[in-house]
N, C-alpha and C. Protein backbone atom coordinates (compact mmCIF):
# COMPACT_ATOMS: atom_id res chain seq x y z
N UNK A 1 0.76 -1.14 -0.09
CA UNK A 1 0.06 -0.02 0.12
C UNK A 1 0.78 1.41 -0.03
N UNK A 2 0.82 2.15 -0.89
CA UNK A 2 1.25 3.47 -0.72
C UNK A 2 1.05 4.43 0.28
N UNK A 3 2.05 4.95 0.83
CA UNK A 3 1.78 5.63 2.23
C UNK A 3 1.54 7.10 1.43
N UNK A 4 0.67 7.99 1.99
CA UNK A 4 0.71 9.05 1.40
C UNK A 4 0.60 10.16 2.58
N UNK A 5 1.78 11.40 2.86
CA UNK A 5 2.05 11.97 3.68
C UNK A 5 1.24 13.45 3.42
N UNK A 6 0.47 14.13 4.27
CA UNK A 6 -0.13 15.69 3.89
C UNK A 6 0.60 16.27 4.97
N UNK A 7 0.80 17.56 4.62
CA UNK A 7 1.28 18.42 5.55
C UNK A 7 0.84 20.04 5.32
N UNK A 8 -0.52 20.19 5.97
CA UNK A 8 -1.34 21.29 5.61
C UNK A 8 -1.90 21.84 6.83
N UNK A 9 -2.05 23.28 6.86
CA UNK A 9 -2.50 24.00 7.87
C UNK A 9 -4.16 24.41 7.49
N UNK A 10 -4.94 24.02 8.72
CA UNK A 10 -6.33 24.38 8.54
C UNK A 10 -6.85 25.06 9.76
N UNK A 11 -7.92 26.11 9.20
CA UNK A 11 -8.48 27.17 10.73
C UNK A 11 -9.35 25.81 11.02
N UNK A 12 -9.92 26.81 12.27
CA UNK A 12 -11.08 25.90 12.90
C UNK A 12 -12.11 25.42 11.92
N UNK A 13 -12.54 26.65 11.34
CA UNK A 13 -13.56 26.15 10.39
C UNK A 13 -13.43 25.52 9.04
N UNK A 14 -12.11 24.58 8.97
CA UNK A 14 -11.96 24.32 7.74
C UNK A 14 -11.30 24.52 6.76
N UNK A 15 -10.84 25.89 6.66
CA UNK A 15 -10.16 26.27 5.48
C UNK A 15 -8.68 26.46 5.26
N UNK A 16 -8.24 26.41 4.11
CA UNK A 16 -6.57 26.30 4.06
C UNK A 16 -6.35 27.59 3.52
N UNK A 17 -6.97 28.72 3.29
CA UNK A 17 -6.48 30.09 2.98
C UNK A 17 -7.81 30.87 3.47
N UNK A 18 -7.30 32.11 3.62
CA UNK A 18 -8.25 33.20 4.05
C UNK A 18 -9.30 33.60 2.40
N UNK A 19 -10.35 34.62 2.74
CA UNK A 19 -11.15 34.71 1.74
C UNK A 19 -10.31 35.72 0.91
N UNK A 20 -10.65 35.46 -0.76
CA UNK A 20 -9.94 36.36 -1.88
C UNK A 20 -8.50 36.27 -2.05
N UNK A 21 -7.84 34.33 -1.73
CA UNK A 21 -6.77 34.32 -2.40
C UNK A 21 -6.62 34.46 -3.78
N UNK A 22 -5.25 34.95 -4.31
CA UNK A 22 -4.88 35.24 -5.39
C UNK A 22 -3.48 35.22 -5.74
N UNK A 23 -2.81 35.19 -6.89
CA UNK A 23 -1.62 35.26 -7.23
C UNK A 23 -0.81 35.96 -6.19
N UNK A 24 -1.25 37.46 -6.40
CA UNK A 24 -0.28 38.26 -5.12
C UNK A 24 -0.73 38.03 -3.90
N UNK A 25 -1.62 37.36 -3.19
CA UNK A 25 -1.75 36.90 -2.35
C UNK A 25 -2.43 35.76 -2.05
N UNK A 26 -1.56 34.94 -1.89
CA UNK A 26 -1.80 33.14 -1.95
C UNK A 26 -2.87 32.66 -1.02
N UNK A 27 -2.44 33.28 0.35
CA UNK A 27 -3.01 32.87 1.39
C UNK A 27 -4.56 33.57 1.87
N UNK A 28 -4.82 34.47 0.99
CA UNK A 28 -6.01 35.06 1.30
C UNK A 28 -5.97 35.82 2.44
N UNK A 29 -6.88 37.05 2.96
CA UNK A 29 -7.15 37.82 3.80
C UNK A 29 -7.07 36.75 5.24
N UNK A 30 -6.17 37.44 5.86
CA UNK A 30 -6.26 36.63 7.20
C UNK A 30 -5.42 35.18 7.25
N UNK A 31 -5.12 34.79 5.98
CA UNK A 31 -4.45 33.35 5.81
C UNK A 31 -2.98 33.03 6.55
N UNK A 32 -2.08 34.11 6.43
CA UNK A 32 -0.96 34.02 7.02
C UNK A 32 -1.14 33.61 8.50
N UNK A 33 -2.08 33.62 9.40
CA UNK A 33 -2.09 33.18 10.65
C UNK A 33 -2.05 31.66 10.70
N UNK A 34 -2.34 31.16 9.41
CA UNK A 34 -2.24 29.71 9.28
C UNK A 34 -0.87 29.01 9.80
N UNK A 35 0.34 30.04 9.56
CA UNK A 35 1.51 29.41 9.37
C UNK A 35 2.45 29.90 10.29
N UNK A 36 1.57 30.66 11.74
CA UNK A 36 2.72 31.02 12.29
C UNK A 36 3.07 30.06 13.59
N UNK A 37 3.07 28.97 13.28
CA UNK A 37 3.52 27.99 14.30
C UNK A 37 5.04 27.49 13.38
N UNK A 38 5.68 26.83 14.42
CA UNK A 38 6.71 25.80 13.60
C UNK A 38 7.09 24.48 14.36
N UNK A 39 6.73 23.68 13.74
CA UNK A 39 6.90 22.03 14.20
C UNK A 39 7.41 21.28 13.00
N UNK A 40 8.89 20.95 12.74
CA UNK A 40 9.33 20.15 11.70
C UNK A 40 8.63 18.59 11.57
N UNK A 41 7.46 18.56 11.30
CA UNK A 41 7.04 16.97 11.02
C UNK A 41 5.65 17.10 9.80
N UNK A 42 5.64 15.86 9.51
CA UNK A 42 4.47 15.99 8.25
C UNK A 42 3.31 15.44 9.10
N UNK A 43 2.46 16.43 9.14
CA UNK A 43 1.13 15.99 9.96
C UNK A 43 -0.15 17.39 9.66
N UNK A 44 -1.26 17.30 9.83
CA UNK A 44 -2.37 18.01 9.85
C UNK A 44 -2.20 18.98 11.03
N UNK A 45 -2.14 20.29 10.88
CA UNK A 45 -1.95 21.41 11.56
C UNK A 45 -3.28 22.20 11.69
N UNK A 46 -3.90 22.15 12.88
CA UNK A 46 -5.04 22.73 13.15
C UNK A 46 -4.83 24.27 13.83
N UNK A 47 -5.03 25.23 13.08
CA UNK A 47 -4.58 26.68 13.83
C UNK A 47 -5.80 27.07 14.63
N UNK A 48 -5.60 27.82 15.74
CA UNK A 48 -6.51 28.28 16.55
C UNK A 48 -7.10 29.73 15.81
N UNK A 49 -7.80 29.60 14.56
CA UNK A 49 -8.64 30.87 14.28
C UNK A 49 -9.86 30.44 13.47
N UNK A 50 -10.82 31.25 13.13
CA UNK A 50 -11.88 30.97 12.40
C UNK A 50 -11.85 32.24 10.93
N UNK A 51 -11.64 31.61 10.05
CA UNK A 51 -11.58 32.43 8.93
C UNK A 51 -12.79 33.02 8.32
N UNK A 52 -13.98 32.06 8.32
CA UNK A 52 -15.27 32.32 7.99
C UNK A 52 -15.29 32.21 6.67
N UNK A 53 -14.17 32.04 5.58
CA UNK A 53 -14.43 31.96 4.29
C UNK A 53 -13.05 31.55 3.42
N UNK A 54 -12.99 31.10 2.48
CA UNK A 54 -11.69 30.94 1.96
C UNK A 54 -11.70 29.73 0.96
N UNK A 55 -10.81 28.87 0.90
CA UNK A 55 -10.59 27.56 0.29
C UNK A 55 -10.73 26.56 1.28
N UNK A 56 -11.90 25.70 0.78
CA UNK A 56 -12.26 24.76 2.14
C UNK A 56 -11.01 23.56 1.85
N UNK A 57 -10.56 22.98 2.83
CA UNK A 57 -9.73 21.86 2.70
C UNK A 57 -10.27 20.57 2.24
N UNK A 58 -11.58 20.48 2.49
CA UNK A 58 -12.08 19.07 1.81
C UNK A 58 -13.54 19.52 1.20
N UNK A 59 -13.76 18.83 0.05
CA UNK A 59 -15.12 19.08 -0.86
C UNK A 59 -15.33 17.73 -1.48
N UNK A 60 -16.51 17.19 -0.92
CA UNK A 60 -16.85 16.25 -1.58
C UNK A 60 -16.16 14.86 -1.41
N UNK A 61 -16.05 13.94 -2.27
CA UNK A 61 -15.26 12.74 -1.97
C UNK A 61 -15.57 11.77 -1.10
N UNK A 62 -15.31 10.48 -1.31
CA UNK A 62 -15.47 9.14 -0.53
C UNK A 62 -15.34 9.25 1.02
N UNK A 63 -16.30 9.15 1.80
CA UNK A 63 -16.09 9.14 3.38
C UNK A 63 -14.80 8.11 3.60
N UNK A 64 -14.14 8.11 4.62
CA UNK A 64 -12.89 7.65 5.27
C UNK A 64 -12.76 7.31 6.52
N UNK A 65 -12.52 6.33 7.10
CA UNK A 65 -12.34 6.22 8.40
C UNK A 65 -10.86 6.63 8.99
N UNK A 66 -10.99 7.60 9.64
CA UNK A 66 -9.69 7.67 10.41
C UNK A 66 -9.36 7.42 11.91
N UNK A 67 -8.21 7.10 11.93
CA UNK A 67 -7.79 6.75 13.14
C UNK A 67 -6.86 7.54 13.82
N UNK A 68 -7.23 8.35 14.90
CA UNK A 68 -6.34 9.13 15.43
C UNK A 68 -5.00 8.43 16.16
N UNK A 69 -3.82 8.76 15.86
CA UNK A 69 -2.55 8.51 16.36
C UNK A 69 -2.01 9.20 17.45
N UNK A 70 -1.76 10.41 17.40
CA UNK A 70 -1.45 11.50 18.04
C UNK A 70 -1.66 12.89 17.97
N UNK A 71 -1.82 13.36 19.00
CA UNK A 71 -1.95 15.22 19.34
C UNK A 71 -0.85 15.77 19.86
N UNK A 72 -0.54 16.82 19.22
CA UNK A 72 0.50 17.90 20.39
C UNK A 72 -0.39 19.12 20.14
N UNK A 73 -0.56 19.66 21.38
CA UNK A 73 -0.86 21.11 21.61
C UNK A 73 0.09 22.16 21.83
N UNK A 74 0.19 23.16 21.03
CA UNK A 74 1.03 23.95 21.44
C UNK A 74 0.33 25.45 21.58
N UNK A 75 0.89 26.45 21.75
CA UNK A 75 -0.17 27.88 21.72
C UNK A 75 -0.60 28.29 20.47
N UNK A 76 0.32 28.30 19.26
CA UNK A 76 -0.24 28.17 17.95
C UNK A 76 -0.85 27.55 17.01
N UNK A 77 -0.83 26.16 17.58
CA UNK A 77 -1.68 25.20 16.57
C UNK A 77 -1.84 24.08 17.34
N UNK A 78 -2.78 22.77 16.95
CA UNK A 78 -2.78 21.64 17.61
C UNK A 78 -2.35 20.74 16.55
N UNK A 79 -1.18 19.96 16.72
CA UNK A 79 -0.77 19.01 15.49
C UNK A 79 -1.45 17.84 15.50
N UNK A 80 -2.33 17.20 14.55
CA UNK A 80 -2.77 16.27 14.50
C UNK A 80 -2.19 14.86 13.71
N UNK A 81 -2.14 13.65 13.97
CA UNK A 81 -1.73 12.39 13.39
C UNK A 81 -2.90 11.69 13.34
N UNK A 82 -2.95 10.96 11.91
CA UNK A 82 -4.06 10.28 11.62
C UNK A 82 -3.70 9.24 10.49
N UNK A 83 -4.17 7.87 10.67
CA UNK A 83 -4.03 6.85 9.61
C UNK A 83 -5.22 6.97 9.16
N UNK A 84 -5.56 6.33 8.13
CA UNK A 84 -6.63 6.11 7.21
C UNK A 84 -6.88 4.53 7.56
N UNK A 85 -8.19 4.27 8.10
CA UNK A 85 -8.40 2.82 8.37
C UNK A 85 -8.98 1.94 7.10
N UNK A 86 -8.55 0.82 7.28
CA UNK A 86 -9.06 -0.03 5.42
C UNK A 86 -10.52 -0.35 6.20
């Protein structure tokens, strides 16, 4: 089985950019707050902000069962590790 590692920051309301992303403002308005943490690992990073709009991290797709493996809390993000269950 191929292992896929995703390393992405997500706001509490599920966005990976703020509203209005563009070539000149890639993270959109307020999106830079998604990357104020520093943690050298391949994980899902949940930033403690609510953007209200922007690019959603998930749209549609088949449901998947995730098994939580690890949670590390910090003041600027919560770092989550999941495996996809078969």
